[in-house]
Amino acid sequence: MSVKISDWVMATTNEDELIHGFVQSMDSRHGVARIYVIASDHDSAIGKVMEVAQQDMKKLPVATFDIEDQVKSLIDIALTTRDELWFMELTDTLFTLQQNGSNRSEREFMPTGYTNRLGVDQF
């Protein structure tokens, strides 16, 4: 599997926790990766860096985000992770979407319905 730093992945930990996040660092010699967790079936793992075996990871496909709410959610993640470059890219994308309008209507977007760490329901 060709996973590299900054790739978004889903993985299972040794404790059988399902986690979703991005690769923060890798140790190819030992076959492990450190993943910054943004979602998990165990709330205590969210916001932490978890170490998982590389064979237990699945790289997530790259998606385009053409709905303002999607980009705003990603901006929240960029702020949380203090990724200034990604924040700037996302704000440029948001500005373009606001100027040109979204490529898809909100009705085509399948809401996921979750509560972010700030306690605000997102749909």
C-alpha atoms as a PDB file:
ATOM      1  CA  MET A   1       0.000   0.000   0.000  1.00  0.00           C
ATOM      2  CA  SER A   2       1.394   3.399  -0.907  1.00  0.00           C
ATOM      3  CA  VAL A   3       0.326   5.487   2.074  1.00  0.00           C
ATOM      4  CA  LYS A   4       2.371   8.563   2.828  1.00  0.00           C
ATOM      5  CA  ILE A   5       2.386  11.344   5.389  1.00  0.00           C
ATOM      6  CA  SER A   6      -0.745  13.537   5.203  1.00  0.00           C
ATOM      7  CA  ASP A   7      -2.890  10.841   3.524  1.00  0.00           C
ATOM      8  CA  TRP A   8      -6.363  10.317   4.984  1.00  0.00           C
ATOM      9  CA  VAL A   9      -6.886   6.778   6.230  1.00  0.00           C
ATOM     10  CA  MET A  10      -9.204   4.496   8.138  1.00  0.00           C
ATOM     11  CA  ALA A  11      -7.591   1.968  10.433  1.00  0.00           C
ATOM     12  CA  THR A  12      -8.158  -0.487  13.221  1.00  0.00           C
ATOM     13  CA  THR A  13      -6.016  -0.308  16.359  1.00  0.00           C
ATOM     14  CA  ASN A  14      -4.742  -3.235  18.422  1.00  0.00           C
ATOM     15  CA  GLU A  15      -7.699  -2.663  20.773  1.00  0.00           C
ATOM     16  CA  ASP A  16     -10.055  -3.086  17.765  1.00  0.00           C
ATOM     17  CA  GLU A  17     -10.979   0.627  17.675  1.00  0.00           C
ATOM     18  CA  LEU A  18     -12.012   1.980  14.291  1.00  0.00           C
ATOM     19  CA  ILE A  19     -10.284   5.300  13.650  1.00  0.00           C
ATOM     20  CA  HIS A  20     -10.377   7.864  10.862  1.00  0.00           C
ATOM     21  CA  GLY A  21      -7.685  10.486  10.447  1.00  0.00           C
ATOM     22  CA  PHE A  22      -4.534  11.488   8.635  1.00  0.00           C
ATOM     23  CA  VAL A  23      -1.045  10.038   8.724  1.00  0.00           C
ATOM     24  CA  GLN A  24       1.209  12.237  10.822  1.00  0.00           C
ATOM     25  CA  SER A  25       4.370  10.116  10.619  1.00  0.00           C
ATOM     26  CA  MET A  26       5.501   6.680   9.505  1.00  0.00           C
ATOM     27  CA  ASP A  27       8.073   4.145  10.634  1.00  0.00           C
ATOM     28  CA  SER A  28       8.541   1.839   7.648  1.00  0.00           C
ATOM     29  CA  ARG A  29      11.194  -0.193   9.422  1.00  0.00           C
ATOM     30  CA  HIS A  30       8.706  -1.293  12.101  1.00  0.00           C
ATOM     31  CA  GLY A  31       5.653  -1.198   9.805  1.00  0.00           C
ATOM     32  CA  VAL A  32       3.672   1.316  11.845  1.00  0.00           C
ATOM     33  CA  ALA A  33       2.150   4.711  11.235  1.00  0.00           C
ATOM     34  CA  ARG A  34       1.020   7.426  13.617  1.00  0.00           C
ATOM     35  CA  ILE A  35      -2.427   8.738  12.798  1.00  0.00           C
ATOM     36  CA  TYR A  36      -4.003  11.949  14.091  1.00  0.00           C
ATOM     37  CA  VAL A  37      -7.548  10.797  14.901  1.00  0.00           C
ATOM     38  CA  ILE A  38     -10.489  12.985  13.895  1.00  0.00           C
ATOM     39  CA  ALA A  39     -13.207  10.342  14.303  1.00  0.00           C
ATOM     40  CA  SER A  40     -13.434   7.072  16.187  1.00  0.00           C
ATOM     41  CA  ASP A  41     -15.912   4.663  17.677  1.00  0.00           C
ATOM     42  CA  HIS A  42     -14.227   5.503  21.021  1.00  0.00           C
ATOM     43  CA  ASP A  43     -14.607   9.221  21.754  1.00  0.00           C
ATOM     44  CA  SER A  44     -11.512   9.259  23.964  1.00  0.00           C
ATOM     45  CA  ALA A  45      -9.306   8.637  20.892  1.00  0.00           C
ATOM     46  CA  ILE A  46     -10.460  11.768  19.049  1.00  0.00           C
ATOM     47  CA  GLY A  47      -7.758  14.423  18.903  1.00  0.00           C
ATOM     48  CA  LYS A  48      -4.993  11.997  19.836  1.00  0.00           C
ATOM     49  CA  VAL A  49      -2.228  10.413  17.806  1.00  0.00           C
ATOM     50  CA  MET A  50      -2.621   6.622  17.594  1.00  0.00           C
ATOM     51  CA  GLU A  51      -0.022   4.160  16.380  1.00  0.00           C
ATOM     52  CA  VAL A  52      -1.312   1.428  14.057  1.00  0.00           C
ATOM     53  CA  ALA A  53       0.195  -1.278  11.894  1.00  0.00           C
ATOM     54  CA  GLN A  54       0.438  -0.301   8.240  1.00  0.00           C
ATOM     55  CA  GLN A  55      -1.415  -3.447   7.141  1.00  0.00           C
ATOM     56  CA  ASP A  56      -4.389  -2.333   9.299  1.00  0.00           C
ATOM     57  CA  MET A  57      -4.784   0.948   7.380  1.00  0.00           C
ATOM     58  CA  LYS A  58      -6.903   1.700   4.344  1.00  0.00           C
ATOM     59  CA  LYS A  59      -6.137   4.817   2.305  1.00  0.00           C
ATOM     60  CA  LEU A  60      -9.238   6.902   1.658  1.00  0.00           C
ATOM     61  CA  PRO A  61      -9.915   8.248  -1.830  1.00  0.00           C
ATOM     62  CA  VAL A  62      -9.294  11.902  -2.535  1.00  0.00           C
ATOM     63  CA  ALA A  63     -12.579  13.741  -2.917  1.00  0.00           C
ATOM     64  CA  THR A  64     -13.463  17.130  -4.273  1.00  0.00           C
ATOM     65  CA  PHE A  65     -15.470  19.366  -2.009  1.00  0.00           C
ATOM     66  CA  ASP A  66     -17.812  21.589  -3.925  1.00  0.00           C
ATOM     67  CA  ILE A  67     -20.373  22.440  -1.271  1.00  0.00           C
ATOM     68  CA  GLU A  68     -19.704  25.382   1.028  1.00  0.00           C
ATOM     69  CA  ASP A  69     -20.614  23.485   4.209  1.00  0.00           C
ATOM     70  CA  GLN A  70     -18.099  20.748   3.359  1.00  0.00           C
ATOM     71  CA  VAL A  71     -15.322  23.285   2.874  1.00  0.00           C
ATOM     72  CA  LYS A  72     -16.273  25.097   6.093  1.00  0.00           C
ATOM     73  CA  SER A  73     -15.997  21.808   8.012  1.00  0.00           C
ATOM     74  CA  LEU A  74     -12.560  21.231   6.531  1.00  0.00           C
ATOM     75  CA  ILE A  75     -11.543  24.758   7.500  1.00  0.00           C
ATOM     76  CA  ASP A  76     -12.457  23.847  11.099  1.00  0.00           C
ATOM     77  CA  ILE A  77     -10.152  20.825  10.864  1.00  0.00           C
ATOM     78  CA  ALA A  78      -7.349  22.916   9.375  1.00  0.00           C
ATOM     79  CA  LEU A  79      -7.677  25.379  12.257  1.00  0.00           C
ATOM     80  CA  THR A  80      -7.698  22.563  14.814  1.00  0.00           C
ATOM     81  CA  THR A  81      -4.545  21.022  13.344  1.00  0.00           C
ATOM     82  CA  ARG A  82      -2.955  24.467  12.849  1.00  0.00           C
ATOM     83  CA  ASP A  83      -2.235  23.702   9.193  1.00  0.00           C
ATOM     84  CA  GLU A  84      -1.856  27.224   7.811  1.00  0.00           C
ATOM     85  CA  LEU A  85      -1.176  26.206   4.194  1.00  0.00           C
ATOM     86  CA  TRP A  86      -4.247  23.943   4.063  1.00  0.00           C
ATOM     87  CA  PHE A  87      -6.325  26.681   5.727  1.00  0.00           C
ATOM     88  CA  MET A  88      -5.286  29.157   3.024  1.00  0.00           C
ATOM     89  CA  GLU A  89      -6.107  26.653   0.245  1.00  0.00           C
ATOM     90  CA  LEU A  90      -9.524  25.967   1.773  1.00  0.00           C
ATOM     91  CA  THR A  91     -10.378  29.634   2.225  1.00  0.00           C
ATOM     92  CA  ASP A  92      -9.479  30.225  -1.443  1.00  0.00           C
ATOM     93  CA  THR A  93     -11.779  27.322  -2.387  1.00  0.00           C
ATOM     94  CA  LEU A  94     -14.558  28.713  -0.208  1.00  0.00           C
ATOM     95  CA  PHE A  95     -14.174  32.168  -1.762  1.00  0.00           C
ATOM     96  CA  THR A  96     -14.362  30.645  -5.269  1.00  0.00           C
ATOM     97  CA  LEU A  97     -17.475  28.644  -4.354  1.00  0.00           C
ATOM     98  CA  GLN A  98     -19.147  31.723  -2.924  1.00  0.00           C
ATOM     99  CA  GLN A  99     -18.344  33.728  -6.064  1.00  0.00           C
ATOM    100  CA  ASN A 100     -19.339  31.042  -8.580  1.00  0.00           C
ATOM    101  CA  GLY A 101     -21.899  29.049  -6.627  1.00  0.00           C
ATOM    102  CA  SER A 102     -21.613  25.364  -5.779  1.00  0.00           C
ATOM    103  CA  ASN A 103     -21.387  22.733  -8.507  1.00  0.00           C
ATOM    104  CA  ARG A 104     -24.015  20.641  -6.725  1.00  0.00           C
ATOM    105  CA  SER A 105     -27.143  21.636  -4.919  1.00  0.00           C
ATOM    106  CA  GLU A 106     -27.519  21.046  -1.201  1.00  0.00           C
ATOM    107  CA  ARG A 107     -30.243  18.469  -1.940  1.00  0.00           C
ATOM    108  CA  GLU A 108     -27.695  16.232  -3.661  1.00  0.00           C
ATOM    109  CA  PHE A 109     -25.451  16.234  -0.607  1.00  0.00           C
ATOM    110  CA  MET A 110     -26.088  13.276   1.680  1.00  0.00           C
ATOM    111  CA  PRO A 111     -25.980  14.632   5.239  1.00  0.00           C
ATOM    112  CA  THR A 112     -23.852  12.634   7.648  1.00  0.00           C
ATOM    113  CA  GLY A 113     -25.224  14.112  10.852  1.00  0.00           C
ATOM    114  CA  TYR A 114     -22.573  14.257  13.533  1.00  0.00           C
ATOM    115  CA  THR A 115     -21.658  16.344  16.530  1.00  0.00           C
ATOM    116  CA  ASN A 116     -18.305  18.059  16.332  1.00  0.00           C
ATOM    117  CA  ARG A 117     -16.043  18.525  19.349  1.00  0.00           C
ATOM    118  CA  LEU A 118     -17.490  21.979  19.936  1.00  0.00           C
ATOM    119  CA  GLY A 119     -20.886  20.370  20.550  1.00  0.00           C
ATOM    120  CA  VAL A 120     -22.558  21.832  17.461  1.00  0.00           C
ATOM    121  CA  ASP A 121     -24.672  19.488  15.370  1.00  0.00           C
ATOM    122  CA  GLN A 122     -23.652  19.452  11.727  1.00  0.00           C
ATOM    123  CA  PHE A 123     -25.840  18.192   8.882  1.00  0.00           C
END
